Protein backbone atom coordinates (compact mmCIF):
# COMPACT_ATOMS: atom_id res chain seq x y z
CA MET A 1 -1.85 -19.85 -10.89
CA ALA A 2 -3.32 -21.17 -7.94
CA ASP A 3 -6.79 -22.97 -8.05
CA ILE A 4 -9.99 -21.03 -7.67
CA VAL A 5 -11.05 -21.29 -4.17
CA SER A 6 -14.71 -22.01 -2.70
CA SER A 7 -16.91 -19.36 -0.84
CA GLU A 8 -17.06 -22.05 1.78
CA HIS A 9 -13.11 -22.07 2.28
CA LEU A 10 -13.01 -18.26 2.02
CA ALA A 11 -15.48 -18.10 4.92
CA LEU A 12 -13.67 -20.34 6.95
CA LEU A 13 -10.46 -18.23 6.24
CA ARG A 14 -12.24 -15.28 7.38
CA ASN A 15 -13.27 -16.62 10.49
CA GLU A 16 -9.91 -18.12 11.38
CA VAL A 17 -8.31 -14.50 11.06
CA ARG A 18 -11.12 -13.32 13.23
CA VAL A 19 -10.27 -15.85 15.82
CA PHE A 20 -6.67 -14.88 15.70
CA LEU A 21 -7.27 -11.02 15.80
CA GLY A 22 -9.45 -11.63 18.84
CA ASP A 23 -6.83 -13.53 20.55
CA GLN A 24 -4.26 -10.95 19.85
CA LEU A 25 -6.59 -8.18 21.42
CA ALA A 26 -7.28 -10.12 24.31
CA ALA A 27 -3.70 -10.73 24.78
CA GLY A 28 -3.16 -6.77 24.55
CA ALA A 29 -0.94 -7.60 21.56
CA TYR A 30 -2.46 -4.38 19.64
CA THR A 31 -4.79 -1.61 19.93
CA PRO A 32 -7.07 -0.59 17.09
CA SER A 33 -6.05 2.16 15.19
CA VAL A 34 -7.32 4.24 11.94
CA ASP A 35 -4.60 4.04 9.05
CA SER A 36 -3.12 1.04 10.65
CA TRP A 37 -1.66 0.00 7.48
CA LEU A 38 0.12 3.47 7.01
CA CYS A 39 1.02 4.35 10.81
CA GLY A 40 0.88 1.04 12.57
CA TRP A 41 4.43 -0.50 12.55
CA ASP A 42 4.75 -3.39 14.69
CA GLU A 43 7.26 -5.95 13.68
CA SER A 44 6.22 -8.45 16.09
CA PHE A 45 2.93 -8.18 14.89
CA THR A 46 3.98 -8.87 11.32
CA ALA A 47 6.08 -12.05 12.92
CA ALA A 48 3.05 -13.33 14.32
CA LEU A 49 1.42 -12.98 10.95
CA ALA A 50 4.10 -14.59 9.20
CA LYS A 51 3.94 -17.77 11.72
CA GLN A 52 0.34 -17.97 10.53
CA GLY A 53 1.16 -18.17 6.82
CA TRP A 54 -0.46 -14.86 6.18
CA LEU A 55 2.30 -12.98 4.53
CA GLY A 56 3.73 -13.96 1.00
CA MET A 57 0.41 -15.99 0.54
CA THR A 58 0.41 -15.48 -3.48
CA VAL A 59 4.36 -16.19 -3.68
CA PRO A 60 4.92 -19.81 -5.03
CA VAL A 61 6.20 -22.22 -2.59
CA ARG A 62 9.72 -22.45 -4.13
CA TYR A 63 10.33 -19.00 -3.48
CA GLY A 64 9.20 -19.55 0.19
CA GLY A 65 5.60 -18.30 0.13
CA HIS A 66 2.39 -20.42 0.40
CA GLY A 67 1.07 -20.62 -3.18
CA ARG A 68 -2.46 -19.19 -2.42
CA THR A 69 -4.88 -16.93 -4.38
CA PHE A 70 -5.54 -13.41 -4.42
CA HIS A 71 -9.15 -14.13 -3.05
CA GLU A 72 -7.58 -15.70 -0.04
CA ARG A 73 -5.22 -12.88 0.55
CA PHE A 74 -7.96 -10.15 0.04
CA VAL A 75 -9.88 -12.11 2.90
CA VAL A 76 -6.79 -11.84 5.26
CA THR A 77 -5.99 -8.51 4.56
CA GLU A 78 -9.58 -6.91 4.65
CA GLU A 79 -9.87 -8.73 7.89
CA LEU A 80 -6.81 -7.13 9.38
CA LEU A 81 -7.75 -3.46 8.16
CA ALA A 82 -11.27 -3.87 9.28
CA ALA A 83 -9.92 -4.53 12.92
CA GLY A 84 -7.49 -1.75 12.93
CA ALA A 85 -4.37 -4.19 13.15
CA PRO A 86 -0.79 -2.94 12.88
CA VAL A 87 0.16 -3.95 9.38
CA ALA A 88 2.44 -1.08 8.21
CA ALA A 89 5.64 -2.91 8.53
CA HIS A 90 4.99 -5.51 5.82
CA TRP A 91 2.31 -3.72 3.92
CA ILE A 92 4.10 -2.47 1.04
CA ALA A 93 6.30 -5.35 0.59
CA ASP A 94 3.72 -7.89 0.90
CA ARG A 95 1.17 -5.69 -1.33
CA GLN A 96 3.22 -4.16 -4.09
CA ILE A 97 6.69 -5.52 -4.09
CA VAL A 98 5.78 -9.65 -3.91
CA PRO A 99 3.53 -9.14 -7.33
CA SER A 100 6.33 -6.72 -8.69
CA LEU A 101 8.99 -9.19 -8.06
CA LEU A 102 6.97 -12.42 -9.53
CA LYS A 103 6.21 -10.36 -12.78
CA TYR A 104 9.63 -8.30 -13.14
CA GLY A 105 12.18 -9.53 -10.90
CA THR A 106 15.12 -11.77 -11.96
CA GLU A 107 15.76 -15.28 -10.19
CA GLU A 108 18.40 -13.60 -8.06
CA GLN A 109 16.04 -11.02 -6.94
CA LYS A 110 13.04 -13.67 -6.21
CA SER A 111 15.45 -15.78 -4.38
CA GLU A 112 17.02 -13.01 -2.27
CA PHE A 113 13.59 -11.06 -1.35
CA LEU A 114 10.41 -13.36 -1.55
CA PRO A 115 11.21 -15.83 1.11
CA ARG A 116 12.51 -12.95 3.52
CA ILE A 117 9.35 -11.14 2.73
CA ALA A 118 7.20 -14.11 3.61
CA ARG A 119 8.97 -14.83 6.91
CA GLY A 120 8.39 -11.00 7.80
CA GLU A 121 11.82 -10.32 7.64
CA CYS A 122 12.26 -7.94 4.86
CA PHE A 123 10.64 -4.34 4.55
CA PHE A 124 10.15 -2.16 1.66
CA GLY A 125 9.41 1.37 0.78
CA ILE A 126 8.36 3.07 -2.74
CA GLY A 127 10.58 5.25 -4.46
CA MET A 128 8.14 7.20 -6.79
CA SER A 129 7.23 10.78 -5.78
CA GLU A 130 9.56 13.53 -5.68
CA PRO A 131 9.47 17.14 -4.46
CA ASP A 132 7.56 19.52 -6.74
CA SER A 133 6.26 16.75 -8.98
CA GLY A 134 2.84 16.20 -7.31
CA SER A 135 1.14 12.91 -9.03
CA ASP A 136 3.04 13.54 -12.15
CA LEU A 137 5.54 10.54 -12.27
CA ALA A 138 6.63 11.53 -15.64
CA SER A 139 8.32 14.57 -14.49
CA VAL A 140 10.67 12.64 -12.12
CA ARG A 141 14.49 14.23 -12.08
CA THR A 142 16.15 11.50 -10.15
CA ARG A 143 18.75 10.27 -12.82
CA ALA A 144 20.62 6.94 -13.04
CA VAL A 145 23.84 7.15 -14.87
CA ARG A 146 25.72 4.07 -16.51
CA VAL A 147 29.07 3.11 -14.70
CA ASP A 148 31.26 0.21 -14.47
CA GLY A 149 29.34 -2.55 -13.08
CA GLY A 150 26.09 -0.77 -12.58
CA TRP A 151 24.53 2.50 -12.18
CA SER A 152 25.21 5.66 -10.25
CA ILE A 153 21.71 7.13 -8.81
CA THR A 154 21.08 10.93 -7.77
CA GLY A 155 18.20 12.65 -6.75
CA THR A 156 15.44 13.03 -4.00
CA LYS A 157 12.32 10.81 -3.08
CA VAL A 158 9.78 12.00 -1.04
CA TRP A 159 6.73 10.80 0.95
CA THR A 160 8.44 7.42 1.42
CA SER A 161 6.73 5.60 3.87
CA GLY A 162 8.57 3.81 6.37
CA ALA A 163 12.14 4.56 4.82
CA HIS A 164 13.52 4.91 8.01
CA ARG A 165 12.76 1.23 9.27
CA ALA A 166 12.65 -0.57 5.89
CA HIS A 167 15.47 -2.49 4.31
CA ALA A 168 15.23 -1.44 0.74
CA PHE A 169 13.01 0.45 -1.84
CA ILE A 170 12.34 0.45 -5.39
CA VAL A 171 13.28 3.77 -7.35
CA LEU A 172 12.03 5.26 -10.32
CA ALA A 173 14.73 7.04 -12.34
CA ARG A 174 15.49 8.59 -15.86
CA THR A 175 18.10 6.71 -17.52
CA GLU A 176 17.74 8.64 -20.85
CA PRO A 177 17.42 12.36 -21.43
CA VAL A 178 13.88 13.78 -21.49
CA ASP A 179 12.00 13.61 -24.75
CA PRO A 180 9.17 15.86 -24.63
CA ALA A 181 7.16 14.27 -27.11
CA HIS A 182 7.58 10.92 -25.10
CA ARG A 183 7.96 11.90 -21.57
CA HIS A 184 6.94 8.52 -20.17
CA ALA A 185 10.09 6.83 -22.21
CA GLY A 186 13.48 6.55 -20.84
CA LEU A 187 12.37 5.57 -17.09
CA SER A 188 13.96 3.01 -15.27
CA GLN A 189 13.55 0.95 -11.89
CA PHE A 190 16.41 -0.06 -9.51
CA ILE A 191 16.19 -1.87 -5.93
CA VAL A 192 18.10 0.31 -3.56
CA ASP A 193 19.55 -0.53 -0.10
CA LEU A 194 18.13 2.21 2.37
CA HIS A 195 21.27 1.59 4.54
CA ALA A 196 23.81 1.81 1.81
CA PRO A 197 26.32 4.62 1.71
CA ARG A 198 25.17 8.02 0.40
CA VAL A 199 21.64 7.03 1.07
CA ASP A 200 20.32 9.91 3.52
CA VAL A 201 16.73 9.36 5.03
CA ARG A 202 15.48 12.31 6.45
CA PRO A 203 12.23 12.29 8.54
CA ILE A 204 9.11 13.87 7.45
CA ILE A 205 6.78 14.67 10.65
CA SER A 206 3.11 15.24 10.30
CA MET A 207 1.12 18.11 11.99
CA ASN A 208 0.12 15.60 14.68
CA GLY A 209 3.71 14.59 15.54
CA GLY A 210 3.50 11.40 13.76
CA HIS A 211 6.57 9.82 11.65
CA HIS A 212 5.80 7.56 8.93
CA PHE A 213 6.86 9.85 5.77
CA ASN A 214 10.22 10.41 4.71
CA GLU A 215 12.57 12.14 2.22
CA VAL A 216 15.38 10.10 0.90
CA VAL A 217 18.27 11.81 -0.62
CA LEU A 218 20.45 9.49 -3.12
CA ASP A 219 23.83 11.22 -3.79
CA GLU A 220 25.75 9.10 -6.56
CA VAL A 221 24.55 5.86 -4.96
CA PHE A 222 26.07 2.88 -6.65
CA ILE A 223 23.53 0.02 -7.87
CA PRO A 224 24.96 -3.10 -8.86
CA ASP A 225 23.44 -4.52 -12.63
CA ALA A 226 22.12 -7.13 -10.16
CA MET A 227 19.79 -4.63 -8.68
CA VAL A 228 18.41 -3.33 -11.99
CA PHE A 229 14.61 -4.07 -11.59
CA GLY A 230 12.81 -5.19 -14.80
CA GLU A 231 14.02 -3.87 -18.28
CA ILE A 232 16.21 -0.57 -18.56
CA GLY A 233 13.67 1.82 -20.30
CA ARG A 234 10.62 0.10 -19.14
CA GLY A 235 10.05 1.75 -16.12
CA TRP A 236 6.93 3.39 -16.71
CA THR A 237 5.17 0.19 -17.81
CA GLN A 238 6.33 -1.35 -14.65
CA VAL A 239 5.20 1.35 -12.51
CA THR A 240 1.61 1.60 -13.86
CA SER A 241 1.22 -2.03 -13.40
CA GLU A 242 2.67 -1.81 -10.08
CA LEU A 243 0.13 0.98 -9.26
CA SER A 244 -2.92 -1.31 -9.71
CA PHE A 245 -1.73 -3.00 -6.63
CA GLU A 246 -1.32 -0.11 -4.72
CA ARG A 247 -4.78 1.78 -5.70
CA SER A 248 -7.35 -1.29 -5.57
CA GLY A 249 -6.74 -3.00 -2.31
CA PRO A 250 -9.31 -3.04 0.88
CA GLU A 251 -6.85 -0.18 2.29
CA ARG A 252 -8.31 2.33 -0.04
CA PHE A 253 -11.75 2.02 1.70
CA LEU A 254 -11.18 0.55 5.22
CA SER A 255 -8.59 2.94 6.60
CA THR A 256 -11.26 4.34 8.74
CA PHE A 257 -13.75 1.22 8.99
CA PRO A 258 -12.87 1.03 13.17
CA LEU A 259 -14.94 4.28 13.35
CA LEU A 260 -17.76 2.93 11.01
CA ALA A 261 -17.76 -0.26 13.35
CA HIS A 262 -17.95 1.51 16.64
CA ALA A 263 -20.59 3.90 15.27
CA VAL A 264 -22.74 0.74 14.36
CA GLU A 265 -22.56 -0.51 17.65
CA ASN A 266 -23.17 2.56 19.76
CA ALA A 267 -24.69 5.52 17.62
CA ALA A 268 -28.44 6.17 16.93
CA ALA A 269 -29.69 4.60 13.46
CA GLU A 270 -29.80 7.40 11.14
CA PRO A 271 -29.80 7.53 7.14
CA GLU A 272 -26.16 8.67 6.79
CA LEU A 273 -24.91 5.80 8.68
CA GLY A 274 -26.75 3.44 6.35
CA ARG A 275 -25.52 5.29 3.25
CA LEU A 276 -21.92 4.89 4.49
CA ILE A 277 -22.47 1.09 5.12
CA ALA A 278 -23.85 0.67 1.64
CA ARG A 279 -20.99 2.48 0.20
CA VAL A 280 -18.32 0.33 1.93
CA ALA A 281 -20.15 -2.75 0.79
CA GLY A 282 -20.33 -1.81 -2.78
CA LEU A 283 -16.46 -1.19 -2.51
CA HIS A 284 -16.14 -4.50 -0.98
CA GLN A 285 -17.56 -6.03 -4.20
CA MET A 286 -15.69 -3.76 -6.44
CA SER A 287 -12.40 -4.36 -4.93
CA THR A 288 -13.14 -8.07 -4.99
CA ALA A 289 -13.44 -7.69 -8.40
CA VAL A 290 -10.22 -6.39 -9.09
CA ALA A 291 -8.72 -9.52 -6.78
CA ASP A 292 -10.50 -11.51 -9.52
CA ALA A 293 -8.72 -9.71 -12.15
CA LEU A 294 -5.34 -10.00 -10.61
CA GLU A 295 -6.19 -13.65 -10.25
CA ARG A 296 -6.53 -14.23 -14.21
CA GLY A 297 -3.20 -12.11 -14.76
CA GLU A 298 -4.89 -8.89 -15.83
CA ASN A 299 -3.74 -5.38 -15.29
CA PRO A 300 -6.81 -3.58 -13.85
CA ASP A 301 -5.51 -0.15 -13.73
CA VAL A 302 -8.62 1.58 -14.54
CA GLN A 303 -10.75 -0.30 -12.24
CA ALA A 304 -8.12 0.16 -9.42
CA ALA A 305 -8.51 3.82 -10.06
CA VAL A 306 -12.19 3.87 -9.43
CA VAL A 307 -11.60 2.01 -6.30
CA LYS A 308 -9.06 4.31 -5.38
CA VAL A 309 -11.20 7.59 -5.84
CA LEU A 310 -14.40 6.15 -4.45
CA GLY A 311 -12.87 4.23 -1.57
CA THR A 312 -10.88 7.36 -0.42
CA THR A 313 -13.76 9.65 -0.66
CA VAL A 314 -15.78 7.47 1.71
CA GLU A 315 -12.95 7.06 4.25
CA GLY A 316 -12.91 10.75 4.83
CA ASP A 317 -16.57 10.98 4.88
CA ILE A 318 -16.45 8.33 7.68
CA ALA A 319 -14.05 10.35 9.36
CA ASP A 320 -16.15 13.64 9.08
CA PHE A 321 -19.39 11.55 10.03
CA ALA A 322 -17.55 10.32 13.34
CA ASP A 323 -16.23 13.64 14.17
CA ARG A 324 -19.83 15.24 13.73
CA GLN A 325 -21.02 12.30 16.16
CA THR A 326 -18.36 13.00 18.65
CA GLY A 327 -18.85 16.92 18.58
CA ASP A 328 -17.09 18.82 21.34
CA ASP A 329 -17.60 15.88 23.94
CA ALA A 330 -16.14 12.69 23.55
CA GLY A 331 -17.51 11.48 26.82
CA THR A 332 -15.28 8.85 28.55
CA ASP A 333 -14.36 7.04 25.72
CA ALA A 334 -10.92 7.92 25.35
CA GLU A 335 -10.37 5.03 22.62
CA TRP A 336 -12.85 6.35 20.44
CA ALA A 337 -12.06 10.25 20.80
CA HIS A 338 -8.37 9.21 19.84
CA LEU A 339 -9.70 7.29 16.72
CA VAL A 340 -11.76 10.28 15.76
CA VAL A 341 -8.92 12.76 16.11
CA THR A 342 -6.39 10.39 14.31
CA ALA A 343 -8.92 10.06 11.39
CA VAL A 344 -9.59 13.78 11.07
CA ASP A 345 -5.98 14.50 11.03
CA GLN A 346 -5.17 11.93 8.43
CA ARG A 347 -8.28 12.84 6.41
CA PRO A 348 -6.41 15.43 3.92
CA GLY A 349 -4.11 12.46 3.03
CA PHE A 350 -6.67 10.05 1.86
CA THR A 351 -7.34 11.42 -1.55
CA LEU A 352 -3.73 12.47 -1.97
CA ARG A 353 -1.54 9.48 -1.39
CA GLY A 354 -1.44 6.76 -4.24
CA GLY A 355 -2.14 9.29 -6.73
CA THR A 356 -4.34 12.30 -6.39
CA ASN A 357 -8.24 11.70 -7.07
CA GLU A 358 -8.11 14.69 -9.53
CA VAL A 359 -5.04 12.77 -11.61
CA LEU A 360 -6.91 9.44 -11.38
CA ARG A 361 -10.22 10.86 -12.68
CA GLY A 362 -8.16 11.55 -15.88
CA VAL A 363 -6.71 7.90 -15.76
CA ILE A 364 -10.32 6.51 -15.62
CA ALA A 365 -11.54 8.79 -18.23
CA ARG A 366 -9.04 7.91 -20.72
CA GLY A 367 -9.34 4.34 -19.79
CA LEU A 368 -12.89 4.50 -20.75
CA GLY A 369 -11.99 6.21 -24.03
CA MET A 370 -13.43 9.50 -23.20
CA ARG A 371 -11.89 12.88 -24.97
């Protein structure tokens, strides 16, 4: 575990990122956007971050990373999101795949993927959700069957962000028949090459014409034993650990932050704006506490669920606030109008992705010992 860093060091790092982002904006390298971690795919920007040493920050140096803390990574990601920077290309790989590889990956897998992720050269997706399954991951129907030298996987994954551009994704599949009394048993994970034979990536186009979601159909795709991820039969334990990284980060309350920042600078002061700022400030503290737990090697699944529920709710409220402030006349500020329209379009998905808030409230209740 990396050493704990001082608040002064984190403040300097935060300022360094802000200067970098200011230079990028001045150079026209990007335009701030809503939901930039999901929709803002820009491999050139990812390469620029990698050059700064801001990818693979928590990856040990021996695997091509920088051996820095979760706190340092949190500062960098928070600033990127607040600025609406286009970070979608590397986001899943850096947020979720890195810590999962470090915890469950083989030496071969770590050596193959971690250096490339840190260099901004390897992008991942997530193969969890399936048609008609909603947030009930235990109901997955994708199956992996033992064959000579590996496994044959057949099934369909959906809402796979960036699959049409990513190199690989980690698939949750059933390796044992369903036991109604133990639905979470018999699940396993596999690293699947998205360009492998018999992998069909089909676009899911959003109502606004955007394309970041995909359906991925696997038709007896061969996966060598070397790409089994973790232990066979331990998929559920691994997935729930992975979801802590997916649900707790600052992207769960900063997706619409560029709107809030604009409102602070341009809108008249009013109580609702103050309440939104206070809620974001509280979520910053809560998400920082999750980073603290991750630094200690803990699995903060309940805390992560709380951040996700409260965070995605405030994201939507910011979108609604901005929409009401704009009304029917956006004036001459085309950039603001575009941000508002995008936020309103994306709003329905905030509380769905990463597990619906309804399901996560159940996770929280069980975690707190409620019946």
